[in-house]
C-alpha atoms as a PDB file:
ATOM      1  CA  MET A   1     -17.832  18.285  19.078  1.00  0.00           C
ATOM      2  CA  LEU A   2     -14.371  16.154  18.474  1.00  0.00           C
ATOM      3  CA  LEU A   3     -11.728  15.939  21.504  1.00  0.00           C
ATOM      4  CA  ALA A   4      -8.482  15.291  19.830  1.00  0.00           C
ATOM      5  CA  GLY A   5      -5.321  13.757  22.436  1.00  0.00           C
ATOM      6  CA  GLU A   6      -5.611  13.474  25.997  1.00  0.00           C
ATOM      7  CA  SER A   7      -4.434   9.970  26.235  1.00  0.00           C
ATOM      8  CA  TRP A   8      -1.022   7.830  26.124  1.00  0.00           C
ATOM      9  CA  VAL A   9       0.663   4.771  26.174  1.00  0.00           C
ATOM     10  CA  ALA A  10       2.863   3.751  29.379  1.00  0.00           C
ATOM     11  CA  ARG A  11       5.693   1.395  29.113  1.00  0.00           C
ATOM     12  CA  THR A  12       6.749   0.260  31.908  1.00  0.00           C
ATOM     13  CA  THR A  13       9.755  -2.437  33.359  1.00  0.00           C
ATOM     14  CA  ASP A  14       9.214  -4.285  36.501  1.00  0.00           C
ATOM     15  CA  VAL A  15      12.610  -5.707  37.523  1.00  0.00           C
ATOM     16  CA  LYS A  16      11.810  -8.849  40.118  1.00  0.00           C
ATOM     17  CA  GLY A  17      15.304  -9.840  41.136  1.00  0.00           C
ATOM     18  CA  PHE A  18      17.288 -11.409  38.181  1.00  0.00           C
ATOM     19  CA  ASP A  19      13.992 -11.335  35.395  1.00  0.00           C
ATOM     20  CA  ALA A  20      12.664  -7.934  34.219  1.00  0.00           C
ATOM     21  CA  ILE A  21       8.923  -7.783  32.403  1.00  0.00           C
ATOM     22  CA  ASP A  22       8.376  -4.982  30.098  1.00  0.00           C
ATOM     23  CA  ARG A  23       4.579  -4.229  29.974  1.00  0.00           C
ATOM     24  CA  ALA A  24       2.307  -1.416  27.913  1.00  0.00           C
ATOM     25  CA  GLN A  25      -0.336   0.260  29.054  1.00  0.00           C
ATOM     26  CA  LEU A  26      -3.046   2.407  27.388  1.00  0.00           C
ATOM     27  CA  GLU A  27      -4.147   5.435  29.421  1.00  0.00           C
ATOM     28  CA  ILE A  28      -6.834   8.020  28.991  1.00  0.00           C
ATOM     29  CA  GLY A  29      -6.699  11.187  30.402  1.00  0.00           C
ATOM     30  CA  ALA A  30      -9.970  12.913  29.325  1.00  0.00           C
ATOM     31  CA  GLU A  31     -12.614  10.954  31.619  1.00  0.00           C
ATOM     32  CA  ALA A  32     -13.599  13.862  33.695  1.00  0.00           C
ATOM     33  CA  LEU A  33     -14.045  16.334  30.869  1.00  0.00           C
ATOM     34  CA  LEU A  34     -15.560  13.214  28.758  1.00  0.00           C
ATOM     35  CA  ALA A  35     -18.005  13.005  31.668  1.00  0.00           C
ATOM     36  CA  ALA A  36     -18.889  16.592  32.333  1.00  0.00           C
ATOM     37  CA  LEU A  37     -19.760  17.373  28.575  1.00  0.00           C
ATOM     38  CA  ARG A  38     -21.754  14.418  27.887  1.00  0.00           C
ATOM     39  CA  ALA A  39     -23.750  15.030  31.369  1.00  0.00           C
ATOM     40  CA  GLU A  40     -24.825  18.226  29.535  1.00  0.00           C
ATOM     41  CA  GLY A  41     -25.978  16.955  26.828  1.00  0.00           C
ATOM     42  CA  HIS A  42     -23.149  17.055  24.634  1.00  0.00           C
ATOM     43  CA  ASP A  43     -22.206  14.710  21.937  1.00  0.00           C
ATOM     44  CA  VAL A  44     -18.647  14.155  21.886  1.00  0.00           C
ATOM     45  CA  VAL A  45     -16.286  12.009  19.745  1.00  0.00           C
ATOM     46  CA  HIS A  46     -12.832  11.338  21.809  1.00  0.00           C
ATOM     47  CA  LEU A  47     -10.329  10.775  19.101  1.00  0.00           C
ATOM     48  CA  PRO A  48      -6.820   9.468  21.519  1.00  0.00           C
ATOM     49  CA  SER A  49      -3.512  10.424  20.753  1.00  0.00           C
ATOM     50  CA  HIS A  50      -2.506   7.480  18.899  1.00  0.00           C
ATOM     51  CA  LEU A  51      -5.369   7.539  16.503  1.00  0.00           C
ATOM     52  CA  VAL A  52      -4.757  11.178  15.532  1.00  0.00           C
ATOM     53  CA  ALA A  53      -1.929  10.752  12.840  1.00  0.00           C
ATOM     54  CA  THR A  54      -4.529   8.586  10.763  1.00  0.00           C
ATOM     55  CA  ASP A  55      -7.714   9.438  11.848  1.00  0.00           C
ATOM     56  CA  PHE A  56      -8.420  13.143  12.449  1.00  0.00           C
ATOM     57  CA  PRO A  57     -10.413  15.146   9.610  1.00  0.00           C
ATOM     58  CA  ALA A  58      -8.455  16.043   6.639  1.00  0.00           C
ATOM     59  CA  SER A  59     -10.804  17.881   4.673  1.00  0.00           C
ATOM     60  CA  LEU A  60     -13.249  21.074   4.960  1.00  0.00           C
ATOM     61  CA  ASP A  61     -16.144  18.507   4.834  1.00  0.00           C
ATOM     62  CA  GLU A  62     -15.138  15.711   7.236  1.00  0.00           C
ATOM     63  CA  LEU A  63     -14.347  18.812  10.076  1.00  0.00           C
ATOM     64  CA  GLY A  64     -17.718  19.732   8.888  1.00  0.00           C
ATOM     65  CA  GLU A  65     -19.173  17.241  10.767  1.00  0.00           C
ATOM     66  CA  TYR A  66     -18.478  18.690  13.960  1.00  0.00           C
ATOM     67  CA  ASP A  67     -19.238  22.108  15.659  1.00  0.00           C
ATOM     68  CA  VAL A  68     -16.285  22.350  17.973  1.00  0.00           C
ATOM     69  CA  VAL A  69     -12.962  20.557  17.958  1.00  0.00           C
ATOM     70  CA  ILE A  70     -10.489  20.665  21.166  1.00  0.00           C
ATOM     71  CA  LEU A  71      -6.848  19.958  20.964  1.00  0.00           C
ATOM     72  CA  SER A  72      -5.539  18.617  23.889  1.00  0.00           C
ATOM     73  CA  ASP A  73      -1.973  17.188  24.813  1.00  0.00           C
ATOM     74  CA  ILE A  74      -1.429  16.662  21.351  1.00  0.00           C
ATOM     75  CA  GLY A  75       1.322  18.037  19.472  1.00  0.00           C
ATOM     76  CA  ALA A  76       1.364  19.555  16.058  1.00  0.00           C
ATOM     77  CA  ASN A  77       3.399  16.694  14.259  1.00  0.00           C
ATOM     78  CA  SER A  78       0.627  14.238  15.217  1.00  0.00           C
ATOM     79  CA  LEU A  79      -1.413  16.190  12.969  1.00  0.00           C
ATOM     80  CA  LEU A  80       1.122  17.068  10.201  1.00  0.00           C
ATOM     81  CA  LEU A  81       3.153  14.145   9.759  1.00  0.00           C
ATOM     82  CA  HIS A  82       0.058  11.253   8.557  1.00  0.00           C
ATOM     83  CA  PRO A  83       1.730   7.922   7.683  1.00  0.00           C
ATOM     84  CA  GLN A  84       0.936   8.623   3.976  1.00  0.00           C
ATOM     85  CA  VAL A  85       3.891  11.813   4.259  1.00  0.00           C
ATOM     86  CA  PHE A  86       6.289  10.217   6.996  1.00  0.00           C
ATOM     87  CA  ASN A  87       6.467   6.534   5.453  1.00  0.00           C
ATOM     88  CA  GLN A  88       5.876   6.820   2.149  1.00  0.00           C
ATOM     89  CA  GLY A  89       6.989  10.222   1.309  1.00  0.00           C
ATOM     90  CA  ARG A  90       3.394  10.939  -0.638  1.00  0.00           C
ATOM     91  CA  ARG A  91       1.556  14.507  -0.163  1.00  0.00           C
ATOM     92  CA  PHE A  92      -1.174  14.666   2.284  1.00  0.00           C
ATOM     93  CA  PRO A  93      -3.426  17.910   3.378  1.00  0.00           C
ATOM     94  CA  ASN A  94      -1.840  19.738   5.917  1.00  0.00           C
ATOM     95  CA  ARG A  95      -4.507  19.758   8.576  1.00  0.00           C
ATOM     96  CA  LEU A  96      -3.445  22.727  10.559  1.00  0.00           C
ATOM     97  CA  LYS A  97      -4.398  24.756   7.429  1.00  0.00           C
ATOM     98  CA  LEU A  98      -7.284  22.873   7.628  1.00  0.00           C
ATOM     99  CA  LEU A  99      -8.085  23.730  10.971  1.00  0.00           C
ATOM    100  CA  ALA A 100      -7.612  27.255  10.236  1.00  0.00           C
ATOM    101  CA  GLU A 101      -9.918  27.383   7.561  1.00  0.00           C
ATOM    102  CA  TRP A 102     -12.245  25.748   9.047  1.00  0.00           C
ATOM    103  CA  VAL A 103     -12.708  28.485  12.003  1.00  0.00           C
ATOM    104  CA  ARG A 104     -12.666  31.220   9.806  1.00  0.00           C
ATOM    105  CA  ALA A 105     -15.752  29.414   7.921  1.00  0.00           C
ATOM    106  CA  GLY A 106     -17.568  29.411  11.523  1.00  0.00           C
ATOM    107  CA  GLY A 107     -15.789  26.722  13.371  1.00  0.00           C
ATOM    108  CA  GLY A 108     -15.026  26.480  17.060  1.00  0.00           C
ATOM    109  CA  LEU A 109     -11.452  25.623  18.225  1.00  0.00           C
ATOM    110  CA  ALA A 110      -9.954  25.172  21.369  1.00  0.00           C
ATOM    111  CA  MET A 111      -6.682  24.188  22.964  1.00  0.00           C
ATOM    112  CA  ALA A 112      -6.285  23.378  26.268  1.00  0.00           C
ATOM    113  CA  GLY A 113      -2.802  23.130  28.453  1.00  0.00           C
ATOM    114  CA  GLY A 114       0.025  20.160  28.839  1.00  0.00           C
ATOM    115  CA  TYR A 115       2.813  18.555  28.138  1.00  0.00           C
ATOM    116  CA  LEU A 116       2.098  18.423  24.313  1.00  0.00           C
ATOM    117  CA  SER A 117      -0.153  21.511  24.601  1.00  0.00           C
ATOM    118  CA  PHE A 118       0.831  25.247  22.638  1.00  0.00           C
ATOM    119  CA  GLN A 119       4.664  24.961  22.807  1.00  0.00           C
ATOM    120  CA  GLY A 120       4.853  22.455  25.196  1.00  0.00           C
ATOM    121  CA  PHE A 121       7.352  20.351  27.121  1.00  0.00           C
ATOM    122  CA  GLN A 122      10.691  20.998  25.498  1.00  0.00           C
ATOM    123  CA  GLY A 123       9.144  22.966  22.407  1.00  0.00           C
ATOM    124  CA  LYS A 124       7.612  19.180  21.608  1.00  0.00           C
ATOM    125  CA  ALA A 125       3.932  20.441  21.096  1.00  0.00           C
ATOM    126  CA  ASN A 126       5.377  23.065  18.774  1.00  0.00           C
ATOM    127  CA  PHE A 127       2.519  25.382  17.546  1.00  0.00           C
ATOM    128  CA  HIS A 128       4.149  28.727  17.703  1.00  0.00           C
ATOM    129  CA  ASP A 129       4.161  30.044  14.314  1.00  0.00           C
ATOM    130  CA  THR A 130       1.671  27.588  12.636  1.00  0.00           C
ATOM    131  CA  PRO A 131      -1.782  28.145  11.206  1.00  0.00           C
ATOM    132  CA  ILE A 132      -3.349  27.212  14.761  1.00  0.00           C
ATOM    133  CA  GLU A 133      -1.678  30.044  16.587  1.00  0.00           C
ATOM    134  CA  GLU A 134      -2.744  32.202  13.842  1.00  0.00           C
ATOM    135  CA  VAL A 135      -6.566  31.684  14.915  1.00  0.00           C
ATOM    136  CA  LEU A 136      -5.897  31.262  18.480  1.00  0.00           C
ATOM    137  CA  PRO A 137      -6.168  33.962  21.029  1.00  0.00           C
ATOM    138  CA  VAL A 138      -2.743  33.822  22.401  1.00  0.00           C
ATOM    139  CA  GLU A 139       0.438  33.902  21.092  1.00  0.00           C
ATOM    140  CA  ILE A 140       2.767  30.839  21.658  1.00  0.00           C
ATOM    141  CA  LEU A 141       6.068  31.374  23.134  1.00  0.00           C
ATOM    142  CA  PRO A 142       9.275  29.631  20.718  1.00  0.00           C
ATOM    143  CA  TYR A 143      10.730  27.730  23.677  1.00  0.00           C
ATOM    144  CA  ASP A 144       9.957  25.282  26.664  1.00  0.00           C
ATOM    145  CA  ASP A 145       6.417  27.447  28.085  1.00  0.00           C
ATOM    146  CA  ARG A 146       5.346  25.388  31.026  1.00  0.00           C
ATOM    147  CA  VAL A 147       5.031  26.755  34.581  1.00  0.00           C
ATOM    148  CA  GLU A 148       5.254  23.995  36.950  1.00  0.00           C
ATOM    149  CA  SER A 149       3.631  24.986  40.585  1.00  0.00           C
ATOM    150  CA  PRO A 150       3.456  22.209  42.654  1.00  0.00           C
ATOM    151  CA  GLU A 151       2.399  24.334  45.460  1.00  0.00           C
ATOM    152  CA  GLY A 152      -0.322  25.239  43.555  1.00  0.00           C
ATOM    153  CA  VAL A 153      -1.711  28.593  42.038  1.00  0.00           C
ATOM    154  CA  PHE A 154      -5.202  29.813  41.527  1.00  0.00           C
ATOM    155  CA  GLY A 155      -6.873  31.115  38.666  1.00  0.00           C
ATOM    156  CA  GLU A 156      -9.115  34.461  39.277  1.00  0.00           C
ATOM    157  CA  LEU A 157     -11.608  35.912  37.038  1.00  0.00           C
ATOM    158  CA  THR A 158     -10.853  39.268  35.483  1.00  0.00           C
ATOM    159  CA  GLY A 159     -14.365  40.494  36.122  1.00  0.00           C
ATOM    160  CA  THR A 160     -15.248  40.628  32.559  1.00  0.00           C
ATOM    161  CA  ALA A 161     -18.941  39.428  31.560  1.00  0.00           C
ATOM    162  CA  HIS A 162     -19.225  36.665  29.222  1.00  0.00           C
ATOM    163  CA  PRO A 163     -21.066  33.209  28.499  1.00  0.00           C
ATOM    164  CA  VAL A 164     -18.142  31.167  29.186  1.00  0.00           C
ATOM    165  CA  VAL A 165     -17.476  32.146  32.723  1.00  0.00           C
ATOM    166  CA  GLU A 166     -21.226  33.153  33.805  1.00  0.00           C
ATOM    167  CA  GLY A 167     -22.056  32.111  37.426  1.00  0.00           C
ATOM    168  CA  LEU A 168     -18.125  30.511  38.010  1.00  0.00           C
ATOM    169  CA  ASP A 169     -16.453  31.624  41.302  1.00  0.00           C
ATOM    170  CA  ALA A 170     -14.226  34.910  41.040  1.00  0.00           C
ATOM    171  CA  GLN A 171     -11.303  32.373  42.452  1.00  0.00           C
ATOM    172  CA  TRP A 172     -10.985  29.054  41.305  1.00  0.00           C
ATOM    173  CA  PRO A 173      -9.353  25.899  42.842  1.00  0.00           C
ATOM    174  CA  ALA A 174      -5.593  25.264  43.163  1.00  0.00           C
ATOM    175  CA  LEU A 175      -3.850  24.411  39.548  1.00  0.00           C
ATOM    176  CA  LEU A 176      -0.283  22.654  39.412  1.00  0.00           C
ATOM    177  CA  GLY A 177       0.905  24.228  36.572  1.00  0.00           C
ATOM    178  CA  TYR A 178      -0.240  26.121  33.277  1.00  0.00           C
ATOM    179  CA  GLN A 179       1.630  27.509  29.885  1.00  0.00           C
ATOM    180  CA  LYS A 180       2.756  31.134  29.883  1.00  0.00           C
ATOM    181  CA  LEU A 181       0.690  32.523  27.037  1.00  0.00           C
ATOM    182  CA  VAL A 182       0.588  36.202  25.697  1.00  0.00           C
ATOM    183  CA  ALA A 183      -3.193  37.396  24.983  1.00  0.00           C
ATOM    184  CA  LYS A 184      -3.514  38.681  21.522  1.00  0.00           C
ATOM    185  CA  SER A 185      -4.725  42.894  21.211  1.00  0.00           C
ATOM    186  CA  ASP A 186      -7.982  41.758  20.154  1.00  0.00           C
ATOM    187  CA  ALA A 187      -8.400  38.846  22.564  1.00  0.00           C
ATOM    188  CA  THR A 188     -10.607  38.957  25.730  1.00  0.00           C
ATOM    189  CA  VAL A 189      -8.950  37.399  28.981  1.00  0.00           C
ATOM    190  CA  LEU A 190     -11.459  35.922  31.062  1.00  0.00           C
ATOM    191  CA  ALA A 191      -9.366  34.579  34.030  1.00  0.00           C
ATOM    192  CA  THR A 192      -5.538  35.155  35.007  1.00  0.00           C
ATOM    193  CA  VAL A 193      -3.301  32.696  37.018  1.00  0.00           C
ATOM    194  CA  GLU A 194      -0.320  34.688  38.513  1.00  0.00           C
ATOM    195  CA  SER A 195      -1.357  37.585  35.901  1.00  0.00           C
ATOM    196  CA  ARG A 196      -0.874  35.682  33.104  1.00  0.00           C
ATOM    197  CA  PRO A 197      -3.928  34.528  30.771  1.00  0.00           C
ATOM    198  CA  LEU A 198      -5.310  31.651  31.918  1.00  0.00           C
ATOM    199  CA  LEU A 199      -8.722  31.673  29.877  1.00  0.00           C
ATOM    200  CA  ALA A 200      -8.742  33.700  26.753  1.00  0.00           C
ATOM    201  CA  VAL A 201     -11.221  33.913  23.748  1.00  0.00           C
ATOM    202  CA  ARG A 202     -11.555  35.344  20.305  1.00  0.00           C
ATOM    203  CA  THR A 203     -13.716  35.947  17.288  1.00  0.00           C
ATOM    204  CA  GLU A 204     -11.686  34.838  13.901  1.00  0.00           C
ATOM    205  CA  GLY A 205     -13.352  35.539  10.653  1.00  0.00           C
ATOM    206  CA  GLU A 206     -17.148  33.902  11.432  1.00  0.00           C
ATOM    207  CA  GLY A 207     -15.485  31.333  13.928  1.00  0.00           C
ATOM    208  CA  ARG A 208     -14.562  31.771  17.607  1.00  0.00           C
ATOM    209  CA  THR A 209     -11.496  30.010  19.468  1.00  0.00           C
ATOM    210  CA  LEU A 210     -10.555  29.533  23.088  1.00  0.00           C
ATOM    211  CA  ALA A 211      -7.202  29.182  25.231  1.00  0.00           C
ATOM    212  CA  PHE A 212      -7.248  27.506  28.685  1.00  0.00           C
ATOM    213  CA  ALA A 213      -3.327  27.563  29.692  1.00  0.00           C
ATOM    214  CA  SER A 214      -3.924  24.577  31.931  1.00  0.00           C
ATOM    215  CA  ASP A 215      -5.074  21.515  31.853  1.00  0.00           C
ATOM    216  CA  ILE A 216      -8.466  19.581  31.921  1.00  0.00           C
ATOM    217  CA  SER A 217      -6.672  16.355  33.861  1.00  0.00           C
ATOM    218  CA  PRO A 218      -3.961  15.602  36.132  1.00  0.00           C
ATOM    219  CA  HIS A 219      -1.480  16.328  36.543  1.00  0.00           C
ATOM    220  CA  TRP A 220      -1.753  19.840  36.722  1.00  0.00           C
ATOM    221  CA  ALA A 221      -5.616  19.312  37.350  1.00  0.00           C
ATOM    222  CA  PRO A 222      -5.581  18.002  40.859  1.00  0.00           C
ATOM    223  CA  THR A 223      -8.854  16.442  42.425  1.00  0.00           C
ATOM    224  CA  GLU A 224      -9.733  19.828  44.080  1.00  0.00           C
ATOM    225  CA  PHE A 225      -9.957  21.359  40.528  1.00  0.00           C
ATOM    226  CA  LEU A 226     -11.814  18.433  38.558  1.00  0.00           C
ATOM    227  CA  GLU A 227     -14.468  17.913  41.439  1.00  0.00           C
ATOM    228  CA  TRP A 228     -15.290  21.764  41.621  1.00  0.00           C
ATOM    229  CA  ASP A 229     -18.593  22.380  40.649  1.00  0.00           C
ATOM    230  CA  GLY A 230     -17.525  24.987  38.011  1.00  0.00           C
ATOM    231  CA  TYR A 231     -15.373  22.675  36.270  1.00  0.00           C
ATOM    232  CA  ARG A 232     -18.260  20.836  34.215  1.00  0.00           C
ATOM    233  CA  ARG A 233     -20.403  24.271  33.832  1.00  0.00           C
ATOM    234  CA  LEU A 234     -16.805  26.222  32.732  1.00  0.00           C
ATOM    235  CA  PHE A 235     -16.302  23.894  29.939  1.00  0.00           C
ATOM    236  CA  HIS A 236     -20.332  23.028  29.278  1.00  0.00           C
ATOM    237  CA  GLN A 237     -20.365  27.149  28.931  1.00  0.00           C
ATOM    238  CA  ALA A 238     -16.927  26.912  27.157  1.00  0.00           C
ATOM    239  CA  VAL A 239     -17.991  24.455  24.375  1.00  0.00           C
ATOM    240  CA  THR A 240     -21.524  26.234  23.760  1.00  0.00           C
ATOM    241  CA  TRP A 241     -19.985  29.393  23.094  1.00  0.00           C
ATOM    242  CA  LEU A 242     -17.773  27.962  20.275  1.00  0.00           C
ATOM    243  CA  ALA A 243     -20.327  25.733  18.901  1.00  0.00           C
ATOM    244  CA  GLY A 244     -21.963  29.600  18.197  1.00  0.00           C
ATOM    245  CA  ASP A 245     -25.666  29.157  15.958  1.00  0.00           C
ATOM    246  CA  ARG A 246     -24.252  25.929  14.286  1.00  0.00           C
END
């Protein structure tokens, strides 16, 4: 499987009296998920955010090397604006359309929440009204869709039997935020948070899609969620279901 996103470069300035020192550091937010999936035997390739524009698959053949693709905290622009387009003004494949075509042919696609997922912080993720929205189990709002919940909110299973949530607790540990999403009429909502979809699945053509409205890493996913036994089980079962018979 391919996990795209979940990394960032942090730039900071240390001011020490008269002098200031600028520094930058690559930070990876996907450690917990990568460890959980690899412990279950999944072969995971992590494509960090700064490499998505150049290295994300650009053909159906390249996508065909994967059973599952997860987009997490990576906006539509990184998939659309290859340097060949942005810097050189030359045509390049539309990877949002390719992903949708790959799903309909049997691929498994998931999106997890975050500041650059779904519509995202100040609408910058910008997946509303795109081919990705067409195949996901949810409709994406056309504006900043975050719900910040510093007090903690709790996911709850809907009671619908499904392989993705088999054996999970009815109530989940606290989350510190999520995205407001609207379930499509043919989606199956497996968990909710504050009566909104938290986890939903759907079939599209020969493929399968999943939406998780909160984060797989801090800050929306605090330690108590990441260390919950169900975290590893949830995402192992999600990836297994998305892969189907491939």
